[in-house]
Amino acid sequence: LDVYYPEDVKGKLPVIVDIHGGGWMYATKDLNKIYCQYL
């Protein structure tokens, strides 16, 4: 798994846990990396 958060963070932040798609047959977390970083 990966963890992403803003570099200039102050205090604690709410958390999002993301599970990628891919028809149960395809992909890893890297498929959603850009999406998760925008979050």
ModelCIF file with pLDDT and N, C-alpha, C, O atoms, coordinates in Angstrom:
data_MODEL
#
_entry.id   MODEL 
#
_entity.id                         1 
_entity.type                       polymer 
_entity.pdbx_number_of_molecules   1 
#
_entity_poly.entity_id                      1 
_entity_poly.type                           'polypeptide(L)' 
_entity_poly.nstd_linkage                   no 
_entity_poly.nstd_monomer                   no 
_entity_poly.pdbx_seq_one_letter_code       LDVYYPEDVKGKLPVIVDIHGGGWMYATKDLNKIYCQYL 
_entity_poly.pdbx_seq_one_letter_code_can   LDVYYPEDVKGKLPVIVDIHGGGWMYATKDLNKIYCQYL 
_entity_poly.pdbx_strand_id                 A 
#
loop_
_entity_poly_seq.entity_id 
_entity_poly_seq.num 
_entity_poly_seq.mon_id 
_entity_poly_seq.hetero 
1 1  LEU n 
1 2  ASP n 
1 3  VAL n 
1 4  TYR n 
1 5  TYR n 
1 6  PRO n 
1 7  GLU n 
1 8  ASP n 
1 9  VAL n 
1 10 LYS n 
1 11 GLY n 
1 12 LYS n 
1 13 LEU n 
1 14 PRO n 
1 15 VAL n 
1 16 ILE n 
1 17 VAL n 
1 18 ASP n 
1 19 ILE n 
1 20 HIS n 
1 21 GLY n 
1 22 GLY n 
1 23 GLY n 
1 24 TRP n 
1 25 MET n 
1 26 TYR n 
1 27 ALA n 
1 28 THR n 
1 29 LYS n 
1 30 ASP n 
1 31 LEU n 
1 32 ASN n 
1 33 LYS n 
1 34 ILE n 
1 35 TYR n 
1 36 CYS n 
1 37 GLN n 
1 38 TYR n 
1 39 LEU n 
#
_struct_asym.id          A 
_struct_asym.entity_id   1 
#
loop_
_ma_qa_metric.id 
_ma_qa_metric.mode 
_ma_qa_metric.name 
_ma_qa_metric.software_group_id 
_ma_qa_metric.type 
1 global pLDDT . pLDDT 
2 local  pLDDT . pLDDT 
#
_ma_qa_metric_global.metric_id      1 
_ma_qa_metric_global.metric_value   97.18 
_ma_qa_metric_global.model_id       1 
_ma_qa_metric_global.ordinal_id     1 
#
loop_
_ma_qa_metric_local.label_asym_id 
_ma_qa_metric_local.label_comp_id 
_ma_qa_metric_local.label_seq_id 
_ma_qa_metric_local.metric_id 
_ma_qa_metric_local.metric_value 
_ma_qa_metric_local.model_id 
_ma_qa_metric_local.ordinal_id 
A LEU 1  2 98.00 1 1  
A ASP 2  2 98.00 1 2  
A VAL 3  2 98.00 1 3  
A TYR 4  2 98.00 1 4  
A TYR 5  2 98.00 1 5  
A PRO 6  2 98.00 1 6  
A GLU 7  2 97.00 1 7  
A ASP 8  2 92.00 1 8  
A VAL 9  2 92.00 1 9  
A LYS 10 2 88.00 1 10 
A GLY 11 2 95.00 1 11 
A LYS 12 2 97.00 1 12 
A LEU 13 2 98.00 1 13 
A PRO 14 2 98.00 1 14 
A VAL 15 2 98.00 1 15 
A ILE 16 2 98.00 1 16 
A VAL 17 2 98.00 1 17 
A ASP 18 2 98.00 1 18 
A ILE 19 2 98.00 1 19 
A HIS 20 2 98.00 1 20 
A GLY 21 2 98.00 1 21 
A GLY 22 2 97.00 1 22 
A GLY 23 2 97.00 1 23 
A TRP 24 2 98.00 1 24 
A MET 25 2 98.00 1 25 
A TYR 26 2 97.00 1 26 
A ALA 27 2 98.00 1 27 
A THR 28 2 98.00 1 28 
A LYS 29 2 98.00 1 29 
A ASP 30 2 97.00 1 30 
A LEU 31 2 98.00 1 31 
A ASN 32 2 98.00 1 32 
A LYS 33 2 98.00 1 33 
A ILE 34 2 97.00 1 34 
A TYR 35 2 98.00 1 35 
A CYS 36 2 98.00 1 36 
A GLN 37 2 98.00 1 37 
A TYR 38 2 98.00 1 38 
A LEU 39 2 98.00 1 39 
#
loop_
_atom_site.group_PDB 
_atom_site.id 
_atom_site.type_symbol 
_atom_site.label_atom_id 
_atom_site.label_alt_id 
_atom_site.label_comp_id 
_atom_site.label_asym_id 
_atom_site.label_entity_id 
_atom_site.label_seq_id 
_atom_site.pdbx_PDB_ins_code 
_atom_site.Cartn_x 
_atom_site.Cartn_y 
_atom_site.Cartn_z 
_atom_site.occupancy 
_atom_site.B_iso_or_equiv 
_atom_site.pdbx_formal_charge 
_atom_site.auth_seq_id 
_atom_site.auth_comp_id 
_atom_site.auth_asym_id 
_atom_site.auth_atom_id 
_atom_site.pdbx_PDB_model_num 
ATOM 1   N N  . LEU A 1 1  ? 0.834   -1.199 0.000   1.00 98.00 ? 1  LEU A N  1 
ATOM 2   C CA . LEU A 1 1  ? 0.000   0.000  0.000   1.00 98.00 ? 1  LEU A CA 1 
ATOM 3   C C  . LEU A 1 1  ? 0.869   1.248  0.000   1.00 98.00 ? 1  LEU A C  1 
ATOM 4   O O  . LEU A 1 1  ? 2.037   1.211  0.386   1.00 98.00 ? 1  LEU A O  1 
ATOM 5   N N  . ASP A 1 2  ? 0.281   2.350  -0.438  1.00 98.00 ? 2  ASP A N  1 
ATOM 6   C CA . ASP A 1 2  ? 0.938   3.662  -0.443  1.00 98.00 ? 2  ASP A CA 1 
ATOM 7   C C  . ASP A 1 2  ? 0.196   4.609  0.492   1.00 98.00 ? 2  ASP A C  1 
ATOM 8   O O  . ASP A 1 2  ? -0.965  4.387  0.836   1.00 98.00 ? 2  ASP A O  1 
ATOM 9   N N  . VAL A 1 3  ? 0.899   5.682  0.899   1.00 98.00 ? 3  VAL A N  1 
ATOM 10  C CA . VAL A 1 3  ? 0.292   6.751  1.692   1.00 98.00 ? 3  VAL A CA 1 
ATOM 11  C C  . VAL A 1 3  ? 0.653   8.085  1.037   1.00 98.00 ? 3  VAL A C  1 
ATOM 12  O O  . VAL A 1 3  ? 1.806   8.308  0.667   1.00 98.00 ? 3  VAL A O  1 
ATOM 13  N N  . TYR A 1 4  ? -0.333  8.965  0.896   1.00 98.00 ? 4  TYR A N  1 
ATOM 14  C CA . TYR A 1 4  ? -0.113  10.301 0.348   1.00 98.00 ? 4  TYR A CA 1 
ATOM 15  C C  . TYR A 1 4  ? -0.761  11.337 1.269   1.00 98.00 ? 4  TYR A C  1 
ATOM 16  O O  . TYR A 1 4  ? -1.841  11.104 1.812   1.00 98.00 ? 4  TYR A O  1 
ATOM 17  N N  . TYR A 1 5  ? -0.094  12.478 1.439   1.00 98.00 ? 5  TYR A N  1 
ATOM 18  C CA . TYR A 1 5  ? -0.688  13.584 2.189   1.00 98.00 ? 5  TYR A CA 1 
ATOM 19  C C  . TYR A 1 5  ? 0.062   14.870 1.851   1.00 98.00 ? 5  TYR A C  1 
ATOM 20  O O  . TYR A 1 5  ? 1.195   14.807 1.374   1.00 98.00 ? 5  TYR A O  1 
ATOM 21  N N  . PRO A 1 6  ? -0.545  16.039 2.088   1.00 98.00 ? 6  PRO A N  1 
ATOM 22  C CA . PRO A 1 6  ? 0.104   17.310 1.749   1.00 98.00 ? 6  PRO A CA 1 
ATOM 23  C C  . PRO A 1 6  ? 1.402   17.518 2.521   1.00 98.00 ? 6  PRO A C  1 
ATOM 24  O O  . PRO A 1 6  ? 1.483   17.189 3.704   1.00 98.00 ? 6  PRO A O  1 
ATOM 25  N N  . GLU A 1 7  ? 2.413   18.059 1.856   1.00 97.00 ? 7  GLU A N  1 
ATOM 26  C CA . GLU A 1 7  ? 3.703   18.287 2.500   1.00 97.00 ? 7  GLU A CA 1 
ATOM 27  C C  . GLU A 1 7  ? 3.623   19.319 3.620   1.00 97.00 ? 7  GLU A C  1 
ATOM 28  O O  . GLU A 1 7  ? 4.349   19.223 4.610   1.00 97.00 ? 7  GLU A O  1 
ATOM 29  N N  . ASP A 1 8  ? 2.751   20.293 3.467   1.00 92.00 ? 8  ASP A N  1 
ATOM 30  C CA . ASP A 1 8  ? 2.660   21.389 4.439   1.00 92.00 ? 8  ASP A CA 1 
ATOM 31  C C  . ASP A 1 8  ? 1.600   21.133 5.501   1.00 92.00 ? 8  ASP A C  1 
ATOM 32  O O  . ASP A 1 8  ? 0.997   22.072 6.021   1.00 92.00 ? 8  ASP A O  1 
ATOM 33  N N  . VAL A 1 9  ? 1.373   19.857 5.825   1.00 92.00 ? 9  VAL A N  1 
ATOM 34  C CA . VAL A 1 9  ? 0.314   19.497 6.754   1.00 92.00 ? 9  VAL A CA 1 
ATOM 35  C C  . VAL A 1 9  ? 0.576   20.064 8.148   1.00 92.00 ? 9  VAL A C  1 
ATOM 36  O O  . VAL A 1 9  ? 1.708   20.077 8.632   1.00 92.00 ? 9  VAL A O  1 
ATOM 37  N N  . LYS A 1 10 ? -0.509  20.534 8.781   1.00 88.00 ? 10 LYS A N  1 
ATOM 38  C CA . LYS A 1 10 ? -0.471  20.999 10.164  1.00 88.00 ? 10 LYS A CA 1 
ATOM 39  C C  . LYS A 1 10 ? -1.615  20.326 10.919  1.00 88.00 ? 10 LYS A C  1 
ATOM 40  O O  . LYS A 1 10 ? -2.785  20.520 10.588  1.00 88.00 ? 10 LYS A O  1 
ATOM 41  N N  . GLY A 1 11 ? -1.277  19.552 11.913  1.00 95.00 ? 11 GLY A N  1 
ATOM 42  C CA . GLY A 1 11 ? -2.298  18.829 12.649  1.00 95.00 ? 11 GLY A CA 1 
ATOM 43  C C  . GLY A 1 11 ? -2.722  17.561 11.931  1.00 95.00 ? 11 GLY A C  1 
ATOM 44  O O  . GLY A 1 11 ? -2.089  17.130 10.968  1.00 95.00 ? 11 GLY A O  1 
ATOM 45  N N  . LYS A 1 12 ? -3.777  16.989 12.407  1.00 97.00 ? 12 LYS A N  1 
ATOM 46  C CA . LYS A 1 12 ? -4.272  15.729 11.853  1.00 97.00 ? 12 LYS A CA 1 
ATOM 47  C C  . LYS A 1 12 ? -5.299  15.978 10.749  1.00 97.00 ? 12 LYS A C  1 
ATOM 48  O O  . LYS A 1 12 ? -6.072  16.935 10.803  1.00 97.00 ? 12 LYS A O  1 
ATOM 49  N N  . LEU A 1 13 ? -5.291  15.106 9.759   1.00 98.00 ? 13 LEU A N  1 
ATOM 50  C CA . LEU A 1 13 ? -6.169  15.243 8.602   1.00 98.00 ? 13 LEU A CA 1 
ATOM 51  C C  . LEU A 1 13 ? -7.139  14.072 8.524   1.00 98.00 ? 13 LEU A C  1 
ATOM 52  O O  . LEU A 1 13 ? -6.814  12.963 8.946   1.00 98.00 ? 13 LEU A O  1 
ATOM 53  N N  . PRO A 1 14 ? -8.337  14.319 7.983   1.00 98.00 ? 14 PRO A N  1 
ATOM 54  C CA . PRO A 1 14 ? -9.244  13.194 7.720   1.00 98.00 ? 14 PRO A CA 1 
ATOM 55  C C  . PRO A 1 14 ? -8.612  12.232 6.725   1.00 98.00 ? 14 PRO A C  1 
ATOM 56  O O  . PRO A 1 14 ? -7.728  12.607 5.954   1.00 98.00 ? 14 PRO A O  1 
ATOM 57  N N  . VAL A 1 15 ? -9.071  11.005 6.752   1.00 98.00 ? 15 VAL A N  1 
ATOM 58  C CA . VAL A 1 15 ? -8.417  9.911  6.019   1.00 98.00 ? 15 VAL A CA 1 
ATOM 59  C C  . VAL A 1 15 ? -9.340  9.339  4.950   1.00 98.00 ? 15 VAL A C  1 
ATOM 60  O O  . VAL A 1 15 ? -10.545 9.196  5.159   1.00 98.00 ? 15 VAL A O  1 
ATOM 61  N N  . ILE A 1 16 ? -8.748  9.012  3.798   1.00 98.00 ? 16 ILE A N  1 
ATOM 62  C CA . ILE A 1 16 ? -9.457  8.296  2.739   1.00 98.00 ? 16 ILE A CA 1 
ATOM 63  C C  . ILE A 1 16 ? -8.691  7.011  2.440   1.00 98.00 ? 16 ILE A C  1 
ATOM 64  O O  . ILE A 1 16 ? -7.474  7.033  2.251   1.00 98.00 ? 16 ILE A O  1 
ATOM 65  N N  . VAL A 1 17 ? -9.410  5.896  2.398   1.00 98.00 ? 17 VAL A N  1 
ATOM 66  C CA . VAL A 1 17 ? -8.839  4.616  1.976   1.00 98.00 ? 17 VAL A CA 1 
ATOM 67  C C  . VAL A 1 17 ? -9.468  4.257  0.638   1.00 98.00 ? 17 VAL A C  1 
ATOM 68  O O  . VAL A 1 17 ? -10.692 4.181  0.523   1.00 98.00 ? 17 VAL A O  1 
ATOM 69  N N  . ASP A 1 18 ? -8.630  4.036  -0.377  1.00 98.00 ? 18 ASP A N  1 
ATOM 70  C CA . ASP A 1 18 ? -9.146  3.797  -1.723  1.00 98.00 ? 18 ASP A CA 1 
ATOM 71  C C  . ASP A 1 18 ? -8.837  2.381  -2.197  1.00 98.00 ? 18 ASP A C  1 
ATOM 72  O O  . ASP A 1 18 ? -7.745  1.859  -1.971  1.00 98.00 ? 18 ASP A O  1 
ATOM 73  N N  . ILE A 1 19 ? -9.827  1.768  -2.862  1.00 98.00 ? 19 ILE A N  1 
ATOM 74  C CA . ILE A 1 19 ? -9.678  0.438  -3.448  1.00 98.00 ? 19 ILE A CA 1 
ATOM 75  C C  . ILE A 1 19 ? -9.892  0.555  -4.956  1.00 98.00 ? 19 ILE A C  1 
ATOM 76  O O  . ILE A 1 19 ? -10.972 0.942  -5.403  1.00 98.00 ? 19 ILE A O  1 
ATOM 77  N N  . HIS A 1 20 ? -8.879  0.227  -5.727  1.00 98.00 ? 20 HIS A N  1 
ATOM 78  C CA . HIS A 1 20 ? -8.950  0.396  -7.180  1.00 98.00 ? 20 HIS A CA 1 
ATOM 79  C C  . HIS A 1 20 ? -9.879  -0.622 -7.824  1.00 98.00 ? 20 HIS A C  1 
ATOM 80  O O  . HIS A 1 20 ? -10.197 -1.657 -7.239  1.00 98.00 ? 20 HIS A O  1 
ATOM 81  N N  . GLY A 1 21 ? -10.307 -0.306 -9.039  1.00 98.00 ? 21 GLY A N  1 
ATOM 82  C CA . GLY A 1 21 ? -11.098 -1.230 -9.834  1.00 98.00 ? 21 GLY A CA 1 
ATOM 83  C C  . GLY A 1 21 ? -10.220 -2.032 -10.784 1.00 98.00 ? 21 GLY A C  1 
ATOM 84  O O  . GLY A 1 21 ? -9.006  -2.125 -10.604 1.00 98.00 ? 21 GLY A O  1 
ATOM 85  N N  . GLY A 1 22 ? -10.862 -2.613 -11.806 1.00 97.00 ? 22 GLY A N  1 
ATOM 86  C CA . GLY A 1 22 ? -10.129 -3.427 -12.765 1.00 97.00 ? 22 GLY A CA 1 
ATOM 87  C C  . GLY A 1 22 ? -10.741 -4.803 -12.964 1.00 97.00 ? 22 GLY A C  1 
ATOM 88  O O  . GLY A 1 22 ? -10.049 -5.760 -13.309 1.00 97.00 ? 22 GLY A O  1 
ATOM 89  N N  . GLY A 1 23 ? -12.061 -4.892 -12.742 1.00 97.00 ? 23 GLY A N  1 
ATOM 90  C CA . GLY A 1 23 ? -12.766 -6.133 -13.018 1.00 97.00 ? 23 GLY A CA 1 
ATOM 91  C C  . GLY A 1 23 ? -12.302 -7.315 -12.205 1.00 97.00 ? 23 GLY A C  1 
ATOM 92  O O  . GLY A 1 23 ? -12.494 -8.457 -12.622 1.00 97.00 ? 23 GLY A O  1 
ATOM 93  N N  . TRP A 1 24 ? -11.693 -7.078 -11.047 1.00 98.00 ? 24 TRP A N  1 
ATOM 94  C CA . TRP A 1 24 ? -11.177 -8.114 -10.143 1.00 98.00 ? 24 TRP A CA 1 
ATOM 95  C C  . TRP A 1 24 ? -9.991  -8.884 -10.735 1.00 98.00 ? 24 TRP A C  1 
ATOM 96  O O  . TRP A 1 24 ? -9.388  -9.720 -10.061 1.00 98.00 ? 24 TRP A O  1 
ATOM 97  N N  . MET A 1 25 ? -9.659  -8.590 -12.014 1.00 98.00 ? 25 MET A N  1 
ATOM 98  C CA . MET A 1 25 ? -8.610  -9.350 -12.708 1.00 98.00 ? 25 MET A CA 1 
ATOM 99  C C  . MET A 1 25 ? -7.400  -8.501 -13.079 1.00 98.00 ? 25 MET A C  1 
ATOM 100 O O  . MET A 1 25 ? -6.388  -9.034 -13.532 1.00 98.00 ? 25 MET A O  1 
ATOM 101 N N  . TYR A 1 26 ? -7.490  -7.205 -12.895 1.00 97.00 ? 26 TYR A N  1 
ATOM 102 C CA . TYR A 1 26 ? -6.482  -6.313 -13.482 1.00 97.00 ? 26 TYR A CA 1 
ATOM 103 C C  . TYR A 1 26 ? -6.090  -5.209 -12.517 1.00 97.00 ? 26 TYR A C  1 
ATOM 104 O O  . TYR A 1 26 ? -6.901  -4.737 -11.720 1.00 97.00 ? 26 TYR A O  1 
ATOM 105 N N  . ALA A 1 27 ? -4.828  -4.809 -12.605 1.00 98.00 ? 27 ALA A N  1 
ATOM 106 C CA . ALA A 1 27 ? -4.295  -3.596 -11.990 1.00 98.00 ? 27 ALA A CA 1 
ATOM 107 C C  . ALA A 1 27 ? -3.766  -3.800 -10.572 1.00 98.00 ? 27 ALA A C  1 
ATOM 108 O O  . ALA A 1 27 ? -3.977  -4.830 -9.931  1.00 98.00 ? 27 ALA A O  1 
ATOM 109 N N  . THR A 1 28 ? -3.075  -2.770 -10.125 1.00 98.00 ? 28 THR A N  1 
ATOM 110 C CA . THR A 1 28 ? -2.606  -2.633 -8.750  1.00 98.00 ? 28 THR A CA 1 
ATOM 111 C C  . THR A 1 28 ? -2.991  -1.235 -8.293  1.00 98.00 ? 28 THR A C  1 
ATOM 112 O O  . THR A 1 28 ? -3.690  -0.512 -9.003  1.00 98.00 ? 28 THR A O  1 
ATOM 113 N N  . LYS A 1 29 ? -2.538  -0.863 -7.125  1.00 98.00 ? 29 LYS A N  1 
ATOM 114 C CA . LYS A 1 29 ? -2.780  0.476  -6.596  1.00 98.00 ? 29 LYS A CA 1 
ATOM 115 C C  . LYS A 1 29 ? -2.283  1.576  -7.527  1.00 98.00 ? 29 LYS A C  1 
ATOM 116 O O  . LYS A 1 29 ? -2.797  2.695  -7.500  1.00 98.00 ? 29 LYS A O  1 
ATOM 117 N N  . ASP A 1 30 ? -1.273  1.259  -8.362  1.00 97.00 ? 30 ASP A N  1 
ATOM 118 C CA . ASP A 1 30 ? -0.719  2.277  -9.256  1.00 97.00 ? 30 ASP A CA 1 
ATOM 119 C C  . ASP A 1 30 ? -1.749  2.820  -10.237 1.00 97.00 ? 30 ASP A C  1 
ATOM 120 O O  . ASP A 1 30 ? -1.613  3.941  -10.726 1.00 97.00 ? 30 ASP A O  1 
ATOM 121 N N  . LEU A 1 31 ? -2.788  2.022  -10.528 1.00 98.00 ? 31 LEU A N  1 
ATOM 122 C CA . LEU A 1 31 ? -3.843  2.485  -11.432 1.00 98.00 ? 31 LEU A CA 1 
ATOM 123 C C  . LEU A 1 31 ? -4.499  3.746  -10.898 1.00 98.00 ? 31 LEU A C  1 
ATOM 124 O O  . LEU A 1 31 ? -4.883  4.619  -11.678 1.00 98.00 ? 31 LEU A O  1 
ATOM 125 N N  . ASN A 1 32 ? -4.637  3.858  -9.572  1.00 98.00 ? 32 ASN A N  1 
ATOM 126 C CA . ASN A 1 32 ? -5.344  4.980  -8.951  1.00 98.00 ? 32 ASN A CA 1 
ATOM 127 C C  . ASN A 1 32 ? -4.410  5.987  -8.284  1.00 98.00 ? 32 ASN A C  1 
ATOM 128 O O  . ASN A 1 32 ? -4.869  6.843  -7.526  1.00 98.00 ? 32 ASN A O  1 
ATOM 129 N N  . LYS A 1 33 ? -3.126  5.899  -8.551  1.00 98.00 ? 33 LYS A N  1 
ATOM 130 C CA . LYS A 1 33 ? -2.162  6.764  -7.870  1.00 98.00 ? 33 LYS A CA 1 
ATOM 131 C C  . LYS A 1 33 ? -2.458  8.241  -8.099  1.00 98.00 ? 33 LYS A C  1 
ATOM 132 O O  . LYS A 1 33 ? -2.490  9.024  -7.150  1.00 98.00 ? 33 LYS A O  1 
ATOM 133 N N  . ILE A 1 34 ? -2.674  8.625  -9.353  1.00 97.00 ? 34 ILE A N  1 
ATOM 134 C CA . ILE A 1 34 ? -2.914  10.044 -9.657  1.00 97.00 ? 34 ILE A CA 1 
ATOM 135 C C  . ILE A 1 34 ? -4.209  10.508 -9.003  1.00 97.00 ? 34 ILE A C  1 
ATOM 136 O O  . ILE A 1 34 ? -4.255  11.585 -8.410  1.00 97.00 ? 34 ILE A O  1 
ATOM 137 N N  . TYR A 1 35 ? -5.242  9.712  -9.105  1.00 98.00 ? 35 TYR A N  1 
ATOM 138 C CA . TYR A 1 35 ? -6.519  10.020 -8.462  1.00 98.00 ? 35 TYR A CA 1 
ATOM 139 C C  . TYR A 1 35 ? -6.334  10.221 -6.959  1.00 98.00 ? 35 TYR A C  1 
ATOM 140 O O  . TYR A 1 35 ? -6.830  11.198 -6.397  1.00 98.00 ? 35 TYR A O  1 
ATOM 141 N N  . CYS A 1 36 ? -5.635  9.315  -6.319  1.00 98.00 ? 36 CYS A N  1 
ATOM 142 C CA . CYS A 1 36 ? -5.437  9.403  -4.869  1.00 98.00 ? 36 CYS A CA 1 
ATOM 143 C C  . CYS A 1 36 ? -4.626  10.631 -4.485  1.00 98.00 ? 36 CYS A C  1 
ATOM 144 O O  . CYS A 1 36 ? -4.882  11.239 -3.446  1.00 98.00 ? 36 CYS A O  1 
ATOM 145 N N  . GLN A 1 37 ? -3.656  11.003 -5.302  1.00 98.00 ? 37 GLN A N  1 
ATOM 146 C CA . GLN A 1 37 ? -2.859  12.184 -4.987  1.00 98.00 ? 37 GLN A CA 1 
ATOM 147 C C  . GLN A 1 37 ? -3.674  13.469 -5.156  1.00 98.00 ? 37 GLN A C  1 
ATOM 148 O O  . GLN A 1 37 ? -3.455  14.443 -4.436  1.00 98.00 ? 37 GLN A O  1 
ATOM 149 N N  . TYR A 1 38 ? -4.601  13.470 -6.097  1.00 98.00 ? 38 TYR A N  1 
ATOM 150 C CA . TYR A 1 38 ? -5.492  14.628 -6.213  1.00 98.00 ? 38 TYR A CA 1 
ATOM 151 C C  . TYR A 1 38 ? -6.431  14.727 -5.023  1.00 98.00 ? 38 TYR A C  1 
ATOM 152 O O  . TYR A 1 38 ? -6.805  15.826 -4.613  1.00 98.00 ? 38 TYR A O  1 
ATOM 153 N N  . LEU A 1 39 ? -6.811  13.593 -4.471  1.00 98.00 ? 39 LEU A N  1 
ATOM 154 C CA . LEU A 1 39 ? -7.599  13.614 -3.235  1.00 98.00 ? 39 LEU A CA 1 
ATOM 155 C C  . LEU A 1 39 ? -6.752  14.152 -2.081  1.00 98.00 ? 39 LEU A C  1 
ATOM 156 O O  . LEU A 1 39 ? -7.236  14.248 -0.953  1.00 98.00 ? 39 LEU A O  1 
#
